[in-house]
Each structure stands twice: as structure tokens, then as C-alpha cells.
Amino acid sequence: MRLIAIAVLTATFVIPSSALGQTRRRSTPRPSSTTAAAQRTAQVRTQGATRVADQIKLLTRFTYLLGGINSGIAAADEEIRRKEASPAVVQSNQQSKARVRSSIQGFRDGLDKLEIDFRATPELQPYYIKLAGVAAGAATADEQAAANQFDAAGRTLLTVINRLTDVLLIMRQ
């Protein structure tokens, strides 16, 4: 009888511990694929917003400098019109105009690439609708600068900056 009692007690203690040990899960939980996709979308959106912000910074700085350059060009043009300008002033004025045109063309190319990237990237396509047209605005500014209308070109670039700011605002929401 003692032998049966010892066997029953031993079985009582051994069986529950082995049964509990079998139900324990040993694999680590894996992150869901939706979390990874959401992180990628957030990362791409942040990179796109950073590129828009960089364009805003560059255009704002250029527009600020264009105001002073435009005044110098207008003064030199007036001297040239009155035939009071030296050849050095004429050459310097032409170089200033060429640099302004070249800078605006560079902005046009950069904004065109930005539009293409937003259109081609699925995570950025919802923002493309608001972004579309900024390259066309830069093209208009380029045409105005080619016609020596630097003040009008600067004003057109301000509308481009406003549009980029609207896109950035939407992206940060």
C-alpha cells in the first residue's frame, strides 16, 4: 500500500509539470508585415517632405538675393540706356543676367525631377496632385528672365514657393 501511495504522489507531481511544459510556446513573435509597410511609407514620406523643404529653402534664399541683384541690373540697364556705362559695367550686367537665368533653369530642372519622383513613387502619389505645376511655374519664371523681366520672374518664383509650402503642410499632417 505504501508503494501505491508513493507511486500516486509521484505521478501527481510529475504529470502536471510535464503537461504544462508541453503547452509553452518557444518561438518568438514576428513583427507583422503591416508594421514594416507603415514604417516604409512613413520613411518615404519623410524623405519626400525633406526634399520639398530643401527646394523651399533654396528658392527662398534665391528670391531674397534676386531682389538686390534685380536692383543692380535695373540700375546698370538705365546707365546703358543713357550711354553712361563703361564696358566693364555692361559686361558685368550681362554676366549677372546670365547667372540669374542659369539659376532659374537649375530650379526648373530640380522641380521637374521632384514632380517626376512624386508621380513615380506610390507612397508620394497622393501629394503629387498638389505638387503638379511647380515645374511649370519655374518654366514661366525662366521665360520671364529670358525676356529680362527679373522682377516678374521673382514674383512667379514666390508662387512656386507658396505651392511647395502647401505641399509640405499637407505632408506633415
N, C-alpha and C. Protein backbone atom coordinates (compact mmCIF):
# COMPACT_ATOMS: atom_id res chain seq x y z
N MET A 1 0.80 -1.17 0.00
CA MET A 1 0.00 0.00 0.00
C MET A 1 0.87 1.27 0.00
N ARG A 2 1.91 1.23 0.76
CA ARG A 2 2.82 2.37 0.76
C ARG A 2 3.40 2.57 -0.62
N LEU A 3 3.69 1.51 -1.28
CA LEU A 3 4.27 1.59 -2.61
C LEU A 3 3.28 2.24 -3.59
N ILE A 4 2.01 1.93 -3.47
CA ILE A 4 0.99 2.53 -4.35
C ILE A 4 0.82 4.01 -4.01
N ALA A 5 0.84 4.38 -2.78
CA ALA A 5 0.69 5.77 -2.37
C ALA A 5 1.86 6.61 -2.88
N ILE A 6 3.05 6.08 -2.81
CA ILE A 6 4.24 6.80 -3.30
C ILE A 6 4.15 6.94 -4.83
N ALA A 7 3.69 5.91 -5.51
CA ALA A 7 3.57 5.96 -6.96
C ALA A 7 2.52 7.00 -7.39
N VAL A 8 1.40 7.06 -6.66
CA VAL A 8 0.34 8.02 -6.98
C VAL A 8 0.83 9.44 -6.72
N LEU A 9 1.51 9.68 -5.62
CA LEU A 9 2.03 11.03 -5.33
C LEU A 9 3.07 11.44 -6.36
N THR A 10 3.93 10.56 -6.74
CA THR A 10 4.96 10.87 -7.73
C THR A 10 4.30 11.19 -9.07
N ALA A 11 3.31 10.40 -9.46
CA ALA A 11 2.61 10.64 -10.71
C ALA A 11 1.88 11.98 -10.68
N THR A 12 1.34 12.34 -9.54
CA THR A 12 0.60 13.59 -9.40
C THR A 12 1.52 14.80 -9.60
N PHE A 13 2.73 14.71 -9.09
CA PHE A 13 3.66 15.83 -9.22
C PHE A 13 4.34 15.87 -10.59
N VAL A 14 4.60 14.76 -11.19
CA VAL A 14 5.34 14.71 -12.46
C VAL A 14 4.44 15.03 -13.65
N ILE A 15 3.25 14.50 -13.71
CA ILE A 15 2.37 14.67 -14.87
C ILE A 15 1.97 16.13 -15.08
N PRO A 16 1.53 16.88 -14.06
CA PRO A 16 1.16 18.27 -14.34
C PRO A 16 2.34 19.11 -14.81
N SER A 17 3.52 18.92 -14.29
CA SER A 17 4.64 19.74 -14.73
C SER A 17 5.04 19.41 -16.15
N SER A 18 4.97 18.16 -16.56
CA SER A 18 5.30 17.83 -17.94
C SER A 18 4.22 18.30 -18.90
N ALA A 19 2.96 18.28 -18.47
CA ALA A 19 1.87 18.75 -19.32
C ALA A 19 1.96 20.25 -19.54
N LEU A 20 2.32 20.99 -18.50
CA LEU A 20 2.49 22.44 -18.64
C LEU A 20 3.68 22.77 -19.52
N GLY A 21 4.70 22.01 -19.42
CA GLY A 21 5.90 22.25 -20.22
C GLY A 21 5.64 22.05 -21.70
N GLN A 22 4.72 21.23 -22.08
CA GLN A 22 4.42 20.96 -23.48
C GLN A 22 3.59 22.07 -24.12
N THR A 23 2.84 22.82 -23.34
CA THR A 23 1.99 23.86 -23.91
C THR A 23 2.72 25.19 -24.08
N ARG A 24 3.90 25.29 -23.58
CA ARG A 24 4.63 26.55 -23.66
C ARG A 24 5.10 26.80 -25.09
N ARG A 25 4.94 28.00 -25.58
CA ARG A 25 5.34 28.37 -26.93
C ARG A 25 6.78 28.85 -26.90
N ARG A 26 7.61 28.32 -27.77
CA ARG A 26 9.03 28.63 -27.73
C ARG A 26 9.48 29.59 -28.84
N SER A 27 8.69 29.84 -29.85
CA SER A 27 9.11 30.73 -30.93
C SER A 27 8.84 32.19 -30.54
N THR A 28 9.64 33.07 -31.10
CA THR A 28 9.48 34.50 -30.82
C THR A 28 8.42 35.06 -31.77
N PRO A 29 7.64 35.99 -31.29
CA PRO A 29 6.62 36.59 -32.17
C PRO A 29 7.29 37.43 -33.26
N ARG A 30 6.77 37.35 -34.46
CA ARG A 30 7.33 38.11 -35.58
C ARG A 30 6.54 39.38 -35.79
N PRO A 31 7.25 40.46 -36.16
CA PRO A 31 6.50 41.70 -36.42
C PRO A 31 5.64 41.53 -37.67
N SER A 32 4.50 42.14 -37.63
CA SER A 32 3.58 41.99 -38.76
C SER A 32 4.09 42.77 -39.97
N SER A 33 3.69 42.33 -41.13
CA SER A 33 4.14 42.98 -42.36
C SER A 33 3.51 44.36 -42.50
N THR A 34 2.37 44.60 -41.89
CA THR A 34 1.75 45.92 -41.98
C THR A 34 2.57 46.96 -41.24
N THR A 35 3.22 46.55 -40.16
CA THR A 35 4.08 47.48 -39.43
C THR A 35 5.27 47.88 -40.29
N ALA A 36 5.86 46.91 -40.97
CA ALA A 36 7.00 47.22 -41.84
C ALA A 36 6.58 48.11 -43.00
N ALA A 37 5.42 47.85 -43.57
CA ALA A 37 4.92 48.68 -44.67
C ALA A 37 4.62 50.09 -44.20
N ALA A 38 4.06 50.22 -43.02
CA ALA A 38 3.77 51.55 -42.48
C ALA A 38 5.05 52.32 -42.20
N GLN A 39 6.06 51.62 -41.72
CA GLN A 39 7.35 52.29 -41.47
C GLN A 39 7.98 52.74 -42.78
N ARG A 40 7.89 51.91 -43.81
CA ARG A 40 8.46 52.29 -45.11
C ARG A 40 7.72 53.50 -45.68
N THR A 41 6.39 53.49 -45.58
CA THR A 41 5.60 54.62 -46.07
C THR A 41 5.97 55.90 -45.34
N ALA A 42 6.11 55.81 -44.03
CA ALA A 42 6.48 56.98 -43.24
C ALA A 42 7.88 57.46 -43.61
N GLN A 43 8.78 56.55 -43.85
CA GLN A 43 10.15 56.93 -44.21
C GLN A 43 10.19 57.60 -45.58
N VAL A 44 9.48 57.05 -46.55
CA VAL A 44 9.45 57.64 -47.89
C VAL A 44 8.79 59.02 -47.84
N ARG A 45 7.72 59.13 -47.06
CA ARG A 45 7.03 60.42 -46.94
C ARG A 45 7.93 61.46 -46.29
N THR A 46 8.68 61.06 -45.29
CA THR A 46 9.61 61.99 -44.63
C THR A 46 10.70 62.43 -45.60
N GLN A 47 11.22 61.50 -46.38
CA GLN A 47 12.24 61.86 -47.37
C GLN A 47 11.68 62.81 -48.42
N GLY A 48 10.46 62.56 -48.86
CA GLY A 48 9.82 63.46 -49.83
C GLY A 48 9.60 64.85 -49.25
N ALA A 49 9.15 64.89 -48.01
CA ALA A 49 8.94 66.18 -47.34
C ALA A 49 10.26 66.93 -47.18
N THR A 50 11.32 66.21 -46.91
CA THR A 50 12.64 66.83 -46.77
C THR A 50 13.08 67.44 -48.09
N ARG A 51 12.83 66.74 -49.18
CA ARG A 51 13.20 67.27 -50.50
C ARG A 51 12.39 68.52 -50.84
N VAL A 52 11.11 68.51 -50.49
CA VAL A 52 10.28 69.71 -50.73
C VAL A 52 10.81 70.86 -49.88
N ALA A 53 11.13 70.59 -48.63
CA ALA A 53 11.64 71.64 -47.74
C ALA A 53 12.96 72.20 -48.26
N ASP A 54 13.82 71.34 -48.79
CA ASP A 54 15.09 71.81 -49.36
C ASP A 54 14.85 72.74 -50.54
N GLN A 55 13.89 72.41 -51.39
CA GLN A 55 13.58 73.29 -52.52
C GLN A 55 13.05 74.63 -52.03
N ILE A 56 12.23 74.60 -51.00
CA ILE A 56 11.70 75.85 -50.44
C ILE A 56 12.85 76.71 -49.93
N LYS A 57 13.77 76.11 -49.21
CA LYS A 57 14.91 76.87 -48.67
C LYS A 57 15.75 77.49 -49.79
N LEU A 58 16.05 76.69 -50.81
CA LEU A 58 16.86 77.20 -51.91
C LEU A 58 16.16 78.32 -52.66
N LEU A 59 14.89 78.12 -52.96
CA LEU A 59 14.14 79.14 -53.70
C LEU A 59 13.96 80.42 -52.88
N THR A 60 13.75 80.27 -51.58
CA THR A 60 13.58 81.45 -50.72
C THR A 60 14.87 82.26 -50.67
N ARG A 61 15.98 81.58 -50.50
CA ARG A 61 17.27 82.27 -50.46
C ARG A 61 17.54 82.97 -51.80
N PHE A 62 17.26 82.27 -52.90
CA PHE A 62 17.48 82.86 -54.21
C PHE A 62 16.59 84.07 -54.43
N THR A 63 15.33 83.96 -54.05
CA THR A 63 14.40 85.07 -54.24
C THR A 63 14.83 86.29 -53.43
N TYR A 64 15.33 86.04 -52.23
CA TYR A 64 15.84 87.14 -51.40
C TYR A 64 17.01 87.83 -52.09
N LEU A 65 17.94 87.04 -52.60
CA LEU A 65 19.11 87.61 -53.27
C LEU A 65 18.73 88.26 -54.60
N LEU A 66 17.71 87.72 -55.27
CA LEU A 66 17.29 88.26 -56.55
C LEU A 66 16.81 89.71 -56.43
N GLY A 67 16.23 90.04 -55.29
CA GLY A 67 15.78 91.43 -55.10
C GLY A 67 16.93 92.42 -55.24
N GLY A 68 18.04 92.13 -54.59
CA GLY A 68 19.21 93.01 -54.69
C GLY A 68 19.85 92.97 -56.06
N ILE A 69 19.93 91.79 -56.62
CA ILE A 69 20.53 91.64 -57.96
C ILE A 69 19.69 92.38 -58.98
N ASN A 70 18.37 92.27 -58.85
CA ASN A 70 17.46 92.94 -59.77
C ASN A 70 17.65 94.46 -59.73
N SER A 71 17.85 94.98 -58.53
CA SER A 71 18.08 96.43 -58.41
C SER A 71 19.37 96.84 -59.13
N GLY A 72 20.42 96.03 -58.96
CA GLY A 72 21.69 96.31 -59.65
C GLY A 72 21.55 96.21 -61.15
N ILE A 73 20.82 95.21 -61.61
CA ILE A 73 20.62 95.05 -63.06
C ILE A 73 19.83 96.22 -63.62
N ALA A 74 18.79 96.64 -62.90
CA ALA A 74 17.97 97.76 -63.37
C ALA A 74 18.79 99.05 -63.43
N ALA A 75 19.63 99.27 -62.42
CA ALA A 75 20.47 100.48 -62.42
C ALA A 75 21.47 100.43 -63.57
N ALA A 76 22.06 99.27 -63.80
CA ALA A 76 23.03 99.14 -64.90
C ALA A 76 22.33 99.30 -66.25
N ASP A 77 21.13 98.74 -66.38
CA ASP A 77 20.39 98.90 -67.63
C ASP A 77 20.07 100.37 -67.90
N GLU A 78 19.75 101.09 -66.85
CA GLU A 78 19.46 102.53 -67.01
C GLU A 78 20.72 103.29 -67.46
N GLU A 79 21.86 102.94 -66.87
CA GLU A 79 23.12 103.57 -67.31
C GLU A 79 23.43 103.23 -68.75
N ILE A 80 23.19 101.99 -69.13
CA ILE A 80 23.45 101.56 -70.51
C ILE A 80 22.50 102.29 -71.46
N ARG A 81 21.26 102.43 -71.07
CA ARG A 81 20.29 103.13 -71.91
C ARG A 81 20.69 104.59 -72.14
N ARG A 82 21.23 105.22 -71.09
CA ARG A 82 21.67 106.62 -71.20
C ARG A 82 23.07 106.74 -71.79
N LYS A 83 23.68 105.59 -72.08
CA LYS A 83 25.03 105.51 -72.65
C LYS A 83 26.08 106.12 -71.73
N GLU A 84 25.90 105.88 -70.44
CA GLU A 84 26.85 106.37 -69.45
C GLU A 84 27.66 105.23 -68.83
N ALA A 85 27.39 104.01 -69.25
CA ALA A 85 28.04 102.85 -68.63
C ALA A 85 29.35 102.52 -69.32
N SER A 86 30.30 102.09 -68.50
CA SER A 86 31.58 101.64 -69.05
C SER A 86 31.41 100.22 -69.59
N PRO A 87 32.34 99.80 -70.43
CA PRO A 87 32.27 98.42 -70.95
C PRO A 87 32.30 97.37 -69.82
N ALA A 88 32.99 97.66 -68.74
CA ALA A 88 33.04 96.73 -67.62
C ALA A 88 31.66 96.58 -66.98
N VAL A 89 30.93 97.67 -66.86
CA VAL A 89 29.58 97.62 -66.28
C VAL A 89 28.65 96.83 -67.20
N VAL A 90 28.79 97.05 -68.51
CA VAL A 90 27.96 96.32 -69.48
C VAL A 90 28.24 94.82 -69.38
N GLN A 91 29.51 94.46 -69.32
CA GLN A 91 29.87 93.05 -69.24
C GLN A 91 29.40 92.43 -67.91
N SER A 92 29.59 93.16 -66.83
CA SER A 92 29.16 92.66 -65.52
C SER A 92 27.64 92.47 -65.48
N ASN A 93 26.92 93.40 -66.09
CA ASN A 93 25.46 93.32 -66.13
C ASN A 93 25.02 92.09 -66.93
N GLN A 94 25.66 91.85 -68.06
CA GLN A 94 25.33 90.68 -68.87
C GLN A 94 25.63 89.38 -68.12
N GLN A 95 26.73 89.36 -67.39
CA GLN A 95 27.06 88.17 -66.59
C GLN A 95 26.04 87.94 -65.48
N SER A 96 25.62 89.02 -64.85
CA SER A 96 24.60 88.89 -63.79
C SER A 96 23.30 88.33 -64.35
N LYS A 97 22.88 88.82 -65.49
CA LYS A 97 21.66 88.32 -66.12
C LYS A 97 21.81 86.84 -66.48
N ALA A 98 22.96 86.47 -67.01
CA ALA A 98 23.18 85.07 -67.39
C ALA A 98 23.17 84.16 -66.15
N ARG A 99 23.76 84.63 -65.05
CA ARG A 99 23.75 83.82 -63.82
C ARG A 99 22.34 83.65 -63.27
N VAL A 100 21.54 84.70 -63.33
CA VAL A 100 20.17 84.61 -62.85
C VAL A 100 19.38 83.62 -63.71
N ARG A 101 19.53 83.73 -65.03
CA ARG A 101 18.83 82.80 -65.92
C ARG A 101 19.27 81.36 -65.67
N SER A 102 20.56 81.16 -65.49
CA SER A 102 21.09 79.82 -65.23
C SER A 102 20.56 79.25 -63.92
N SER A 103 20.48 80.08 -62.91
CA SER A 103 19.95 79.63 -61.62
C SER A 103 18.49 79.24 -61.73
N ILE A 104 17.72 80.04 -62.43
CA ILE A 104 16.29 79.73 -62.59
C ILE A 104 16.12 78.43 -63.39
N GLN A 105 16.96 78.23 -64.39
CA GLN A 105 16.89 76.97 -65.15
C GLN A 105 17.24 75.79 -64.25
N GLY A 106 18.19 75.97 -63.36
CA GLY A 106 18.53 74.91 -62.41
C GLY A 106 17.37 74.58 -61.49
N PHE A 107 16.66 75.60 -61.03
CA PHE A 107 15.48 75.37 -60.20
C PHE A 107 14.40 74.64 -61.00
N ARG A 108 14.26 75.04 -62.23
CA ARG A 108 13.27 74.39 -63.10
C ARG A 108 13.58 72.89 -63.23
N ASP A 109 14.83 72.57 -63.48
CA ASP A 109 15.23 71.16 -63.61
C ASP A 109 15.00 70.39 -62.30
N GLY A 110 15.37 71.00 -61.19
CA GLY A 110 15.18 70.34 -59.90
C GLY A 110 13.71 70.11 -59.56
N LEU A 111 12.88 71.09 -59.86
CA LEU A 111 11.44 70.94 -59.59
C LEU A 111 10.80 69.93 -60.54
N ASP A 112 11.30 69.87 -61.76
CA ASP A 112 10.80 68.88 -62.70
C ASP A 112 11.11 67.47 -62.20
N LYS A 113 12.32 67.27 -61.71
CA LYS A 113 12.72 65.98 -61.16
C LYS A 113 11.89 65.63 -59.92
N LEU A 114 11.63 66.63 -59.09
CA LEU A 114 10.81 66.42 -57.90
C LEU A 114 9.40 65.95 -58.29
N GLU A 115 8.81 66.60 -59.28
CA GLU A 115 7.48 66.20 -59.75
C GLU A 115 7.49 64.77 -60.28
N ILE A 116 8.50 64.43 -61.06
CA ILE A 116 8.59 63.08 -61.62
C ILE A 116 8.72 62.05 -60.51
N ASP A 117 9.55 62.34 -59.52
CA ASP A 117 9.73 61.40 -58.41
C ASP A 117 8.45 61.22 -57.61
N PHE A 118 7.71 62.28 -57.39
CA PHE A 118 6.45 62.17 -56.64
C PHE A 118 5.42 61.37 -57.45
N ARG A 119 5.41 61.57 -58.74
CA ARG A 119 4.46 60.84 -59.58
C ARG A 119 4.82 59.35 -59.66
N ALA A 120 6.11 59.03 -59.63
CA ALA A 120 6.57 57.65 -59.80
C ALA A 120 6.61 56.85 -58.50
N THR A 121 6.58 57.51 -57.36
CA THR A 121 6.66 56.81 -56.07
C THR A 121 5.25 56.64 -55.50
N PRO A 122 4.81 55.38 -55.33
CA PRO A 122 3.44 55.15 -54.87
C PRO A 122 3.10 55.83 -53.54
N GLU A 123 4.05 55.88 -52.62
CA GLU A 123 3.79 56.49 -51.31
C GLU A 123 3.63 58.01 -51.40
N LEU A 124 4.16 58.62 -52.47
CA LEU A 124 4.10 60.07 -52.61
C LEU A 124 3.04 60.54 -53.61
N GLN A 125 2.41 59.61 -54.30
CA GLN A 125 1.41 59.98 -55.31
C GLN A 125 0.24 60.80 -54.76
N PRO A 126 -0.21 60.55 -53.52
CA PRO A 126 -1.32 61.39 -53.03
C PRO A 126 -0.96 62.88 -52.95
N TYR A 127 0.31 63.20 -52.85
CA TYR A 127 0.74 64.60 -52.74
C TYR A 127 1.08 65.20 -54.10
N TYR A 128 1.18 64.36 -55.11
CA TYR A 128 1.56 64.83 -56.44
C TYR A 128 0.54 65.81 -57.00
N ILE A 129 -0.73 65.58 -56.71
CA ILE A 129 -1.79 66.44 -57.25
C ILE A 129 -1.55 67.89 -56.85
N LYS A 130 -1.16 68.11 -55.61
CA LYS A 130 -0.91 69.47 -55.14
C LYS A 130 0.44 70.00 -55.65
N LEU A 131 1.38 69.08 -55.89
CA LEU A 131 2.71 69.47 -56.35
C LEU A 131 2.75 69.77 -57.85
N ALA A 132 1.88 69.13 -58.60
CA ALA A 132 1.89 69.27 -60.05
C ALA A 132 1.77 70.75 -60.44
N GLY A 133 2.65 71.16 -61.31
CA GLY A 133 2.62 72.54 -61.81
C GLY A 133 3.74 73.41 -61.28
N VAL A 134 4.48 72.95 -60.27
CA VAL A 134 5.56 73.81 -59.77
C VAL A 134 6.67 73.94 -60.79
N ALA A 135 6.94 72.88 -61.56
CA ALA A 135 7.95 72.96 -62.61
C ALA A 135 7.49 73.91 -63.72
N ALA A 136 6.19 73.91 -63.99
CA ALA A 136 5.65 74.83 -64.99
C ALA A 136 5.79 76.28 -64.51
N GLY A 137 5.61 76.49 -63.21
CA GLY A 137 5.81 77.84 -62.65
C GLY A 137 7.26 78.28 -62.80
N ALA A 138 8.18 77.35 -62.56
CA ALA A 138 9.60 77.68 -62.74
C ALA A 138 9.91 77.92 -64.21
N ALA A 139 9.23 77.21 -65.11
CA ALA A 139 9.42 77.43 -66.54
C ALA A 139 8.94 78.83 -66.94
N THR A 140 7.83 79.25 -66.35
CA THR A 140 7.32 80.60 -66.60
C THR A 140 8.32 81.65 -66.12
N ALA A 141 8.89 81.42 -64.93
CA ALA A 141 9.90 82.34 -64.40
C ALA A 141 11.12 82.36 -65.30
N ASP A 142 11.48 81.22 -65.86
CA ASP A 142 12.61 81.13 -66.78
C ASP A 142 12.35 81.95 -68.04
N GLU A 143 11.14 81.86 -68.57
CA GLU A 143 10.78 82.64 -69.75
C GLU A 143 10.80 84.14 -69.44
N GLN A 144 10.32 84.50 -68.26
CA GLN A 144 10.32 85.91 -67.88
C GLN A 144 11.74 86.43 -67.73
N ALA A 145 12.61 85.61 -67.15
CA ALA A 145 14.01 86.03 -67.00
C ALA A 145 14.68 86.15 -68.37
N ALA A 146 14.34 85.27 -69.29
CA ALA A 146 14.90 85.34 -70.64
C ALA A 146 14.47 86.63 -71.34
N ALA A 147 13.30 87.16 -70.96
CA ALA A 147 12.80 88.41 -71.52
C ALA A 147 13.25 89.61 -70.68
N ASN A 148 14.22 89.41 -69.80
CA ASN A 148 14.75 90.47 -68.91
C ASN A 148 13.69 91.03 -67.97
N GLN A 149 12.72 90.22 -67.60
CA GLN A 149 11.69 90.62 -66.64
C GLN A 149 11.99 89.91 -65.31
N PHE A 150 13.06 90.33 -64.68
CA PHE A 150 13.54 89.65 -63.49
C PHE A 150 12.62 89.85 -62.29
N ASP A 151 11.99 91.00 -62.19
CA ASP A 151 11.05 91.23 -61.09
C ASP A 151 9.84 90.29 -61.21
N ALA A 152 9.32 90.17 -62.42
CA ALA A 152 8.19 89.26 -62.65
C ALA A 152 8.61 87.81 -62.41
N ALA A 153 9.82 87.46 -62.78
CA ALA A 153 10.32 86.10 -62.55
C ALA A 153 10.39 85.81 -61.05
N GLY A 154 10.82 86.79 -60.28
CA GLY A 154 10.87 86.62 -58.83
C GLY A 154 9.49 86.44 -58.23
N ARG A 155 8.54 87.20 -58.73
CA ARG A 155 7.15 87.06 -58.23
C ARG A 155 6.58 85.68 -58.59
N THR A 156 6.90 85.20 -59.77
CA THR A 156 6.45 83.87 -60.17
C THR A 156 7.08 82.81 -59.28
N LEU A 157 8.35 82.98 -58.94
CA LEU A 157 9.01 82.02 -58.05
C LEU A 157 8.37 82.05 -56.66
N LEU A 158 7.85 83.20 -56.25
CA LEU A 158 7.14 83.26 -54.97
C LEU A 158 5.87 82.39 -54.99
N THR A 159 5.18 82.36 -56.13
CA THR A 159 4.00 81.49 -56.22
C THR A 159 4.42 80.02 -56.18
N VAL A 160 5.57 79.71 -56.75
CA VAL A 160 6.09 78.34 -56.69
C VAL A 160 6.41 77.98 -55.24
N ILE A 161 7.03 78.90 -54.51
CA ILE A 161 7.35 78.67 -53.10
C ILE A 161 6.06 78.44 -52.30
N ASN A 162 5.04 79.24 -52.57
CA ASN A 162 3.76 79.07 -51.88
C ASN A 162 3.16 77.69 -52.13
N ARG A 163 3.24 77.24 -53.35
CA ARG A 163 2.69 75.93 -53.68
C ARG A 163 3.48 74.81 -52.99
N LEU A 164 4.81 74.93 -52.99
CA LEU A 164 5.64 73.95 -52.30
C LEU A 164 5.34 73.93 -50.80
N THR A 165 5.10 75.09 -50.24
CA THR A 165 4.77 75.18 -48.81
C THR A 165 3.44 74.49 -48.53
N ASP A 166 2.47 74.65 -49.43
CA ASP A 166 1.19 73.96 -49.27
C ASP A 166 1.37 72.44 -49.30
N VAL A 167 2.23 71.96 -50.20
CA VAL A 167 2.50 70.52 -50.28
C VAL A 167 3.14 70.04 -48.98
N LEU A 168 4.09 70.79 -48.48
CA LEU A 168 4.77 70.41 -47.25
C LEU A 168 3.81 70.38 -46.07
N LEU A 169 2.91 71.33 -46.03
CA LEU A 169 1.91 71.36 -44.97
C LEU A 169 1.02 70.12 -45.01
N ILE A 170 0.60 69.73 -46.19
CA ILE A 170 -0.24 68.53 -46.33
C ILE A 170 0.54 67.29 -45.94
N MET A 171 1.79 67.24 -46.28
CA MET A 171 2.61 66.05 -45.97
C MET A 171 2.87 65.91 -44.48
N ARG A 172 2.89 66.97 -43.75
CA ARG A 172 3.16 66.92 -42.31
C ARG A 172 1.94 66.58 -41.48
N GLN A 173 0.76 66.54 -42.08
CA GLN A 173 -0.47 66.23 -41.33
C GLN A 173 -0.59 64.77 -41.05
